[in-house]
Amino acid sequence: KGKLDAAIVESGNVYNQVSNKISHLSSLNAGYALDVA
């Protein structure tokens, strides 16, 4: 059960990290588009 709990925590952390990455990339892409324009 301890190992399974650790896997659940790790998986959740990766999900949150990637969600944050998507938010950053979306903002960065919008900024680049405005600058190119």
PDB file of all heavy atoms in Angstrom:
ATOM      1  N   LYS A   1       0.834  -1.208   0.000  1.00  0.00           N
ATOM      2  CA  LYS A   1       0.000   0.000   0.000  1.00  0.00           C
ATOM      3  C   LYS A   1       0.864   1.252   0.000  1.00  0.00           C
ATOM      4  O   LYS A   1       0.547   2.251  -0.671  1.00  0.00           O
ATOM      5  CB  LYS A   1      -0.897   0.011   1.242  1.00  0.00           C
ATOM      6  CG  LYS A   1      -1.918   1.168   1.249  1.00  0.00           C
ATOM      7  CD  LYS A   1      -2.874   1.048   0.074  1.00  0.00           C
ATOM      8  CE  LYS A   1      -4.065   1.995   0.211  1.00  0.00           C
ATOM      9  NZ  LYS A   1      -3.700   3.400   0.175  1.00  0.00           N
ATOM     10  N   GLY A   2       1.995   1.217   0.696  1.00  0.00           N
ATOM     11  CA  GLY A   2       2.903   2.365   0.704  1.00  0.00           C
ATOM     12  C   GLY A   2       3.466   2.645  -0.684  1.00  0.00           C
ATOM     13  O   GLY A   2       3.553   3.810  -1.113  1.00  0.00           O
ATOM     14  N   LYS A   3       3.825   1.589  -1.414  1.00  0.00           N
ATOM     15  CA  LYS A   3       4.349   1.754  -2.766  1.00  0.00           C
ATOM     16  C   LYS A   3       3.276   2.280  -3.719  1.00  0.00           C
ATOM     17  O   LYS A   3       3.548   3.128  -4.582  1.00  0.00           O
ATOM     18  CB  LYS A   3       4.889   0.416  -3.281  1.00  0.00           C
ATOM     19  CG  LYS A   3       6.132  -0.065  -2.560  1.00  0.00           C
ATOM     20  CD  LYS A   3       6.589  -1.412  -3.117  1.00  0.00           C
ATOM     21  CE  LYS A   3       7.845  -1.904  -2.407  1.00  0.00           C
ATOM     22  NZ  LYS A   3       8.275  -3.225  -2.917  1.00  0.00           N
ATOM     23  N   LEU A   4       2.052   1.788  -3.558  1.00  0.00           N
ATOM     24  CA  LEU A   4       0.973   2.247  -4.423  1.00  0.00           C
ATOM     25  C   LEU A   4       0.658   3.723  -4.157  1.00  0.00           C
ATOM     26  O   LEU A   4       0.440   4.496  -5.092  1.00  0.00           O
ATOM     27  CB  LEU A   4      -0.278   1.394  -4.188  1.00  0.00           C
ATOM     28  CG  LEU A   4      -1.504   1.737  -5.050  1.00  0.00           C
ATOM     29  CD1 LEU A   4      -1.171   1.630  -6.536  1.00  0.00           C
ATOM     30  CD2 LEU A   4      -2.682   0.823  -4.692  1.00  0.00           C
ATOM     31  N   ASP A   5       0.664   4.106  -2.894  1.00  0.00           N
ATOM     32  CA  ASP A   5       0.424   5.515  -2.555  1.00  0.00           C
ATOM     33  C   ASP A   5       1.490   6.418  -3.176  1.00  0.00           C
ATOM     34  O   ASP A   5       1.189   7.514  -3.662  1.00  0.00           O
ATOM     35  CB  ASP A   5       0.417   5.700  -1.031  1.00  0.00           C
ATOM     36  CG  ASP A   5      -0.820   5.098  -0.378  1.00  0.00           C
ATOM     37  OD1 ASP A   5      -1.798   4.816  -1.099  1.00  0.00           O
ATOM     38  OD2 ASP A   5      -0.803   4.903   0.856  1.00  0.00           O
ATOM     39  N   ALA A   6       2.743   5.945  -3.161  1.00  0.00           N
ATOM     40  CA  ALA A   6       3.829   6.726  -3.754  1.00  0.00           C
ATOM     41  C   ALA A   6       3.622   6.893  -5.255  1.00  0.00           C
ATOM     42  O   ALA A   6       3.882   7.973  -5.828  1.00  0.00           O
ATOM     43  CB  ALA A   6       5.170   6.052  -3.479  1.00  0.00           C
ATOM     44  N   ALA A   7       3.148   5.829  -5.908  1.00  0.00           N
ATOM     45  CA  ALA A   7       2.887   5.893  -7.353  1.00  0.00           C
ATOM     46  C   ALA A   7       1.760   6.885  -7.644  1.00  0.00           C
ATOM     47  O   ALA A   7       1.818   7.648  -8.623  1.00  0.00           O
ATOM     48  CB  ALA A   7       2.528   4.510  -7.888  1.00  0.00           C
ATOM     49  N   ILE A   8       0.735   6.901  -6.806  1.00  0.00           N
ATOM     50  CA  ILE A   8      -0.387   7.830  -6.993  1.00  0.00           C
ATOM     51  C   ILE A   8       0.088   9.274  -6.855  1.00  0.00           C
ATOM     52  O   ILE A   8      -0.287  10.155  -7.645  1.00  0.00           O
ATOM     53  CB  ILE A   8      -1.504   7.529  -5.975  1.00  0.00           C
ATOM     54  CG1 ILE A   8      -2.149   6.171  -6.296  1.00  0.00           C
ATOM     55  CG2 ILE A   8      -2.554   8.634  -5.978  1.00  0.00           C
ATOM     56  CD1 ILE A   8      -3.143   5.685  -5.257  1.00  0.00           C
ATOM     57  N   VAL A   9       0.940   9.529  -5.861  1.00  0.00           N
ATOM     58  CA  VAL A   9       1.471  10.876  -5.657  1.00  0.00           C
ATOM     59  C   VAL A   9       2.337  11.301  -6.833  1.00  0.00           C
ATOM     60  O   VAL A   9       2.229  12.421  -7.352  1.00  0.00           O
ATOM     61  CB  VAL A   9       2.278  10.955  -4.347  1.00  0.00           C
ATOM     62  CG1 VAL A   9       3.027  12.281  -4.252  1.00  0.00           C
ATOM     63  CG2 VAL A   9       1.365  10.784  -3.147  1.00  0.00           C
ATOM     64  N   GLU A  10       3.220  10.402  -7.298  1.00  0.00           N
ATOM     65  CA  GLU A  10       4.104  10.729  -8.417  1.00  0.00           C
ATOM     66  C   GLU A  10       3.325  11.015  -9.687  1.00  0.00           C
ATOM     67  O   GLU A  10       3.613  11.976 -10.422  1.00  0.00           O
ATOM     68  CB  GLU A  10       5.079   9.576  -8.654  1.00  0.00           C
ATOM     69  CG  GLU A  10       6.097   9.856  -9.740  1.00  0.00           C
ATOM     70  CD  GLU A  10       7.121   8.747  -9.896  1.00  0.00           C
ATOM     71  OE1 GLU A  10       7.042   7.743  -9.166  1.00  0.00           O
ATOM     72  OE2 GLU A  10       7.996   8.881 -10.764  1.00  0.00           O
ATOM     73  N   SER A  11       2.319  10.205  -9.940  1.00  0.00           N
ATOM     74  CA  SER A  11       1.508  10.402 -11.136  1.00  0.00           C
ATOM     75  C   SER A  11       0.775  11.737 -11.084  1.00  0.00           C
ATOM     76  O   SER A  11       0.710  12.475 -12.073  1.00  0.00           O
ATOM     77  CB  SER A  11       0.498   9.259 -11.260  1.00  0.00           C
ATOM     78  OG  SER A  11      -0.334   9.428 -12.387  1.00  0.00           O
ATOM     79  N   GLY A  12       0.231  12.070  -9.920  1.00  0.00           N
ATOM     80  CA  GLY A  12      -0.456  13.351  -9.769  1.00  0.00           C
ATOM     81  C   GLY A  12       0.479  14.529  -9.945  1.00  0.00           C
ATOM     82  O   GLY A  12       0.109  15.545 -10.556  1.00  0.00           O
ATOM     83  N   ASN A  13       1.698  14.387  -9.441  1.00  0.00           N
ATOM     84  CA  ASN A  13       2.678  15.472  -9.585  1.00  0.00           C
ATOM     85  C   ASN A  13       3.036  15.716 -11.042  1.00  0.00           C
ATOM     86  O   ASN A  13       3.149  16.867 -11.490  1.00  0.00           O
ATOM     87  CB  ASN A  13       3.941  15.153  -8.788  1.00  0.00           C
ATOM     88  CG  ASN A  13       3.725  15.268  -7.291  1.00  0.00           C
ATOM     89  OD1 ASN A  13       2.769  15.898  -6.842  1.00  0.00           O
ATOM     90  ND2 ASN A  13       4.593  14.651  -6.516  1.00  0.00           N
ATOM     91  N   VAL A  14       3.226  14.637 -11.801  1.00  0.00           N
ATOM     92  CA  VAL A  14       3.551  14.774 -13.223  1.00  0.00           C
ATOM     93  C   VAL A  14       2.395  15.438 -13.959  1.00  0.00           C
ATOM     94  O   VAL A  14       2.610  16.325 -14.802  1.00  0.00           O
ATOM     95  CB  VAL A  14       3.862  13.401 -13.853  1.00  0.00           C
ATOM     96  CG1 VAL A  14       3.983  13.529 -15.366  1.00  0.00           C
ATOM     97  CG2 VAL A  14       5.146  12.829 -13.270  1.00  0.00           C
ATOM     98  N   TYR A  15       1.183  15.057 -13.620  1.00  0.00           N
ATOM     99  CA  TYR A  15       0.006  15.660 -14.265  1.00  0.00           C
ATOM    100  C   TYR A  15      -0.016  17.166 -14.014  1.00  0.00           C
ATOM    101  O   TYR A  15      -0.250  17.965 -14.932  1.00  0.00           O
ATOM    102  CB  TYR A  15      -1.267  15.012 -13.731  1.00  0.00           C
ATOM    103  CG  TYR A  15      -2.525  15.495 -14.431  1.00  0.00           C
ATOM    104  CD1 TYR A  15      -3.011  14.836 -15.541  1.00  0.00           C
ATOM    105  CD2 TYR A  15      -3.209  16.634 -13.979  1.00  0.00           C
ATOM    106  CE1 TYR A  15      -4.160  15.279 -16.207  1.00  0.00           C
ATOM    107  CE2 TYR A  15      -4.342  17.091 -14.629  1.00  0.00           C
ATOM    108  CZ  TYR A  15      -4.819  16.406 -15.741  1.00  0.00           C
ATOM    109  OH  TYR A  15      -5.932  16.865 -16.391  1.00  0.00           O
ATOM    110  N   ASN A  16       0.211  17.567 -12.783  1.00  0.00           N
ATOM    111  CA  ASN A  16       0.202  18.992 -12.442  1.00  0.00           C
ATOM    112  C   ASN A  16       1.328  19.741 -13.148  1.00  0.00           C
ATOM    113  O   ASN A  16       1.139  20.870 -13.625  1.00  0.00           O
ATOM    114  CB  ASN A  16       0.334  19.179 -10.931  1.00  0.00           C
ATOM    115  CG  ASN A  16      -0.918  18.740 -10.197  1.00  0.00           C
ATOM    116  OD1 ASN A  16      -2.009  18.731 -10.748  1.00  0.00           O
ATOM    117  ND2 ASN A  16      -0.762  18.350  -8.937  1.00  0.00           N
ATOM    118  N   GLN A  17       2.511  19.133 -13.231  1.00  0.00           N
ATOM    119  CA  GLN A  17       3.640  19.772 -13.899  1.00  0.00           C
ATOM    120  C   GLN A  17       3.344  20.014 -15.380  1.00  0.00           C
ATOM    121  O   GLN A  17       3.644  21.089 -15.924  1.00  0.00           O
ATOM    122  CB  GLN A  17       4.891  18.906 -13.752  1.00  0.00           C
ATOM    123  CG  GLN A  17       5.449  18.855 -12.328  1.00  0.00           C
ATOM    124  CD  GLN A  17       6.510  17.782 -12.161  1.00  0.00           C
ATOM    125  OE1 GLN A  17       6.913  17.137 -13.140  1.00  0.00           O
ATOM    126  NE2 GLN A  17       6.945  17.563 -10.941  1.00  0.00           N
ATOM    127  N   VAL A  18       2.770  19.016 -16.026  1.00  0.00           N
ATOM    128  CA  VAL A  18       2.470  19.148 -17.452  1.00  0.00           C
ATOM    129  C   VAL A  18       1.345  20.165 -17.668  1.00  0.00           C
ATOM    130  O   VAL A  18       1.366  20.933 -18.636  1.00  0.00           O
ATOM    131  CB  VAL A  18       2.098  17.788 -18.060  1.00  0.00           C
ATOM    132  CG1 VAL A  18       1.693  17.940 -19.518  1.00  0.00           C
ATOM    133  CG2 VAL A  18       3.279  16.826 -17.958  1.00  0.00           C
ATOM    134  N   SER A  19       0.370  20.194 -16.770  1.00  0.00           N
ATOM    135  CA  SER A  19      -0.704  21.194 -16.868  1.00  0.00           C
ATOM    136  C   SER A  19      -0.125  22.602 -16.782  1.00  0.00           C
ATOM    137  O   SER A  19      -0.519  23.499 -17.549  1.00  0.00           O
ATOM    138  CB  SER A  19      -1.727  20.982 -15.743  1.00  0.00           C
ATOM    139  OG  SER A  19      -2.411  19.760 -15.894  1.00  0.00           O
ATOM    140  N   ASN A  20       0.816  22.794 -15.860  1.00  0.00           N
ATOM    141  CA  ASN A  20       1.466  24.098 -15.737  1.00  0.00           C
ATOM    142  C   ASN A  20       2.276  24.430 -16.987  1.00  0.00           C
ATOM    143  O   ASN A  20       2.336  25.587 -17.429  1.00  0.00           O
ATOM    144  CB  ASN A  20       2.369  24.117 -14.508  1.00  0.00           C
ATOM    145  CG  ASN A  20       1.595  24.048 -13.214  1.00  0.00           C
ATOM    146  OD1 ASN A  20       0.415  24.402 -13.165  1.00  0.00           O
ATOM    147  ND2 ASN A  20       2.227  23.570 -12.153  1.00  0.00           N
ATOM    148  N   LYS A  21       2.902  23.409 -17.553  1.00  0.00           N
ATOM    149  CA  LYS A  21       3.689  23.604 -18.769  1.00  0.00           C
ATOM    150  C   LYS A  21       2.804  24.044 -19.918  1.00  0.00           C
ATOM    151  O   LYS A  21       3.162  24.938 -20.708  1.00  0.00           O
ATOM    152  CB  LYS A  21       4.408  22.304 -19.133  1.00  0.00           C
ATOM    153  CG  LYS A  21       5.521  22.458 -20.157  1.00  0.00           C
ATOM    154  CD  LYS A  21       6.737  23.111 -19.550  1.00  0.00           C
ATOM    155  CE  LYS A  21       7.917  23.085 -20.471  1.00  0.00           C
ATOM    156  NZ  LYS A  21       9.104  23.721 -19.893  1.00  0.00           N
ATOM    157  N   ILE A  22       1.635  23.449 -20.040  1.00  0.00           N
ATOM    158  CA  ILE A  22       0.704  23.821 -21.106  1.00  0.00           C
ATOM    159  C   ILE A  22       0.268  25.273 -20.946  1.00  0.00           C
ATOM    160  O   ILE A  22       0.191  26.030 -21.921  1.00  0.00           O
ATOM    161  CB  ILE A  22      -0.519  22.885 -21.105  1.00  0.00           C
ATOM    162  CG1 ILE A  22      -0.124  21.505 -21.648  1.00  0.00           C
ATOM    163  CG2 ILE A  22      -1.659  23.465 -21.929  1.00  0.00           C
ATOM    164  CD1 ILE A  22      -1.252  20.499 -21.646  1.00  0.00           C
ATOM    165  N   SER A  23      -0.009  25.679 -19.704  1.00  0.00           N
ATOM    166  CA  SER A  23      -0.402  27.060 -19.458  1.00  0.00           C
ATOM    167  C   SER A  23       0.707  28.026 -19.873  1.00  0.00           C
ATOM    168  O   SER A  23       0.457  29.055 -20.516  1.00  0.00           O
ATOM    169  CB  SER A  23      -0.738  27.249 -17.975  1.00  0.00           C
ATOM    170  OG  SER A  23      -1.077  28.595 -17.697  1.00  0.00           O
ATOM    171  N   HIS A  24       1.948  27.673 -19.523  1.00  0.00           N
ATOM    172  CA  HIS A  24       3.089  28.516 -19.883  1.00  0.00           C
ATOM    173  C   HIS A  24       3.278  28.589 -21.395  1.00  0.00           C
ATOM    174  O   HIS A  24       3.471  29.672 -21.961  1.00  0.00           O
ATOM    175  CB  HIS A  24       4.357  27.970 -19.231  1.00  0.00           C
ATOM    176  CG  HIS A  24       5.621  28.578 -19.743  1.00  0.00           C
ATOM    177  ND1 HIS A  24       6.014  29.860 -19.437  1.00  0.00           N
ATOM    178  CD2 HIS A  24       6.575  28.081 -20.583  1.00  0.00           C
ATOM    179  CE1 HIS A  24       7.156  30.136 -20.042  1.00  0.00           C
ATOM    180  NE2 HIS A  24       7.515  29.076 -20.744  1.00  0.00           N
ATOM    181  N   LEU A  25       3.212  27.431 -22.052  1.00  0.00           N
ATOM    182  CA  LEU A  25       3.423  27.390 -23.501  1.00  0.00           C
ATOM    183  C   LEU A  25       2.330  28.147 -24.244  1.00  0.00           C
ATOM    184  O   LEU A  25       2.600  28.816 -25.250  1.00  0.00           O
ATOM    185  CB  LEU A  25       3.474  25.937 -23.980  1.00  0.00           C
ATOM    186  CG  LEU A  25       4.694  25.121 -23.569  1.00  0.00           C
ATOM    187  CD1 LEU A  25       4.545  23.675 -24.052  1.00  0.00           C
ATOM    188  CD2 LEU A  25       5.981  25.721 -24.108  1.00  0.00           C
ATOM    189  N   SER A  26       1.106  28.046 -23.766  1.00  0.00           N
ATOM    190  CA  SER A  26       0.007  28.761 -24.412  1.00  0.00           C
ATOM    191  C   SER A  26       0.223  30.263 -24.331  1.00  0.00           C
ATOM    192  O   SER A  26       0.025  30.993 -25.307  1.00  0.00           O
ATOM    193  CB  SER A  26      -1.326  28.388 -23.756  1.00  0.00           C
ATOM    194  OG  SER A  26      -1.606  27.012 -23.933  1.00  0.00           O
ATOM    195  N   SER A  27       0.645  30.722 -23.145  1.00  0.00           N
ATOM    196  CA  SER A  27       0.927  32.151 -22.977  1.00  0.00           C
ATOM    197  C   SER A  27       2.114  32.585 -23.835  1.00  0.00           C
ATOM    198  O   SER A  27       2.088  33.646 -24.468  1.00  0.00           O
ATOM    199  CB  SER A  27       1.207  32.443 -21.502  1.00  0.00           C
ATOM    200  OG  SER A  27       1.541  33.796 -21.302  1.00  0.00           O
ATOM    201  N   LEU A  28       3.148  31.752 -23.863  1.00  0.00           N
ATOM    202  CA  LEU A  28       4.340  32.068 -24.651  1.00  0.00           C
ATOM    203  C   LEU A  28       4.004  32.126 -26.139  1.00  0.00           C
ATOM    204  O   LEU A  28       4.447  33.042 -26.850  1.00  0.00           O
ATOM    205  CB  LEU A  28       5.415  31.007 -24.401  1.00  0.00           C
ATOM    206  CG  LEU A  28       6.762  31.192 -25.119  1.00  0.00           C
ATOM    207  CD1 LEU A  28       7.438  32.486 -24.660  1.00  0.00           C
ATOM    208  CD2 LEU A  28       7.675  29.994 -24.863  1.00  0.00           C
ATOM    209  N   ASN A  29       3.210  31.182 -26.607  1.00  0.00           N
ATOM    210  CA  ASN A  29       2.844  31.149 -28.019  1.00  0.00           C
ATOM    211  C   ASN A  29       2.036  32.387 -28.403  1.00  0.00           C
ATOM    212  O   ASN A  29       2.233  32.964 -29.477  1.00  0.00           O
ATOM    213  CB  ASN A  29       2.034  29.885 -28.307  1.00  0.00           C
ATOM    214  CG  ASN A  29       1.832  29.645 -29.784  1.00  0.00           C
ATOM    215  OD1 ASN A  29       2.777  29.578 -30.559  1.00  0.00           O
ATOM    216  ND2 ASN A  29       0.585  29.523 -30.195  1.00  0.00           N
ATOM    217  N   ALA A  30       1.128  32.812 -27.522  1.00  0.00           N
ATOM    218  CA  ALA A  30       0.331  34.009 -27.787  1.00  0.00           C
ATOM    219  C   ALA A  30       1.218  35.250 -27.847  1.00  0.00           C
ATOM    220  O   ALA A  30       1.041  36.117 -28.709  1.00  0.00           O
ATOM    221  CB  ALA A  30      -0.732  34.174 -26.706  1.00  0.00           C
ATOM    222  N   GLY A  31       2.191  35.321 -26.933  1.00  0.00           N
ATOM    223  CA  GLY A  31       3.107  36.459 -26.942  1.00  0.00           C
ATOM    224  C   GLY A  31       3.957  36.504 -28.192  1.00  0.00           C
ATOM    225  O   GLY A  31       4.165  37.581 -28.778  1.00  0.00           O
ATOM    226  N   TYR A  32       4.444  35.348 -28.620  1.00  0.00           N
ATOM    227  CA  TYR A  32       5.227  35.287 -29.851  1.00  0.00           C
ATOM    228  C   TYR A  32       4.390  35.729 -31.051  1.00  0.00           C
ATOM    229  O   TYR A  32       4.865  36.438 -31.935  1.00  0.00           O
ATOM    230  CB  TYR A  32       5.732  33.863 -30.081  1.00  0.00           C
ATOM    231  CG  TYR A  32       7.002  33.521 -29.345  1.00  0.00           C
ATOM    232  CD1 TYR A  32       7.556  34.404 -28.421  1.00  0.00           C
ATOM    233  CD2 TYR A  32       7.659  32.319 -29.543  1.00  0.00           C
ATOM    234  CE1 TYR A  32       8.709  34.096 -27.738  1.00  0.00           C
ATOM    235  CE2 TYR A  32       8.822  32.000 -28.871  1.00  0.00           C
ATOM    236  CZ  TYR A  32       9.342  32.883 -27.968  1.00  0.00           C
ATOM    237  OH  TYR A  32      10.497  32.582 -27.292  1.00  0.00           O
ATOM    238  N   ALA A  33       3.142  35.272 -31.089  1.00  0.00           N
ATOM    239  CA  ALA A  33       2.270  35.613 -32.213  1.00  0.00           C
ATOM    240  C   ALA A  33       2.067  37.127 -32.306  1.00  0.00           C
ATOM    241  O   ALA A  33       2.097  37.704 -33.402  1.00  0.00           O
ATOM    242  CB  ALA A  33       0.923  34.906 -32.063  1.00  0.00           C
ATOM    243  N   LEU A  34       1.877  37.776 -31.158  1.00  0.00           N
ATOM    244  CA  LEU A  34       1.710  39.228 -31.153  1.00  0.00           C
ATOM    245  C   LEU A  34       2.982  39.930 -31.618  1.00  0.00           C
ATOM    246  O   LEU A  34       2.937  40.922 -32.362  1.00  0.00           O
ATOM    247  CB  LEU A  34       1.335  39.699 -29.745  1.00  0.00           C
ATOM    248  CG  LEU A  34      -0.091  39.372 -29.285  1.00  0.00           C
ATOM    249  CD1 LEU A  34      -0.276  39.728 -27.820  1.00  0.00           C
ATOM    250  CD2 LEU A  34      -1.109  40.108 -30.138  1.00  0.00           C
ATOM    251  N   ASP A  35       4.136  39.419 -31.174  1.00  0.00           N
ATOM    252  CA  ASP A  35       5.408  40.045 -31.546  1.00  0.00           C
ATOM    253  C   ASP A  35       5.679  39.892 -33.035  1.00  0.00           C
ATOM    254  O   ASP A  35       6.133  40.829 -33.702  1.00  0.00           O
ATOM    255  CB  ASP A  35       6.544  39.422 -30.727  1.00  0.00           C
ATOM    256  CG  ASP A  35       7.760  40.326 -30.662  1.00  0.00           C
ATOM    257  OD1 ASP A  35       7.673  41.479 -31.127  1.00  0.00           O
ATOM    258  OD2 ASP A  35       8.793  39.898 -30.147  1.00  0.00           O
ATOM    259  N   VAL A  36       5.410  38.698 -33.558  1.00  0.00           N
ATOM    260  CA  VAL A  36       5.600  38.476 -35.000  1.00  0.00           C
ATOM    261  C   VAL A  36       4.672  39.392 -35.798  1.00  0.00           C
ATOM    262  O   VAL A  36       5.072  39.981 -36.809  1.00  0.00           O
ATOM    263  CB  VAL A  36       5.332  37.002 -35.363  1.00  0.00           C
ATOM    264  CG1 VAL A  36       5.251  36.823 -36.870  1.00  0.00           C
ATOM    265  CG2 VAL A  36       6.440  36.110 -34.803  1.00  0.00           C
ATOM    266  N   ALA A  37       3.441  39.526 -35.331  1.00  0.00           N
ATOM    267  CA  ALA A  37       2.487  40.385 -36.024  1.00  0.00           C
ATOM    268  C   ALA A  37       2.960  41.834 -36.040  1.00  0.00           C
ATOM    269  O   ALA A  37       2.804  42.543 -37.038  1.00  0.00           O
ATOM    270  CB  ALA A  37       1.113  40.293 -35.358  1.00  0.00           C
TER     271      ALA A  37
END
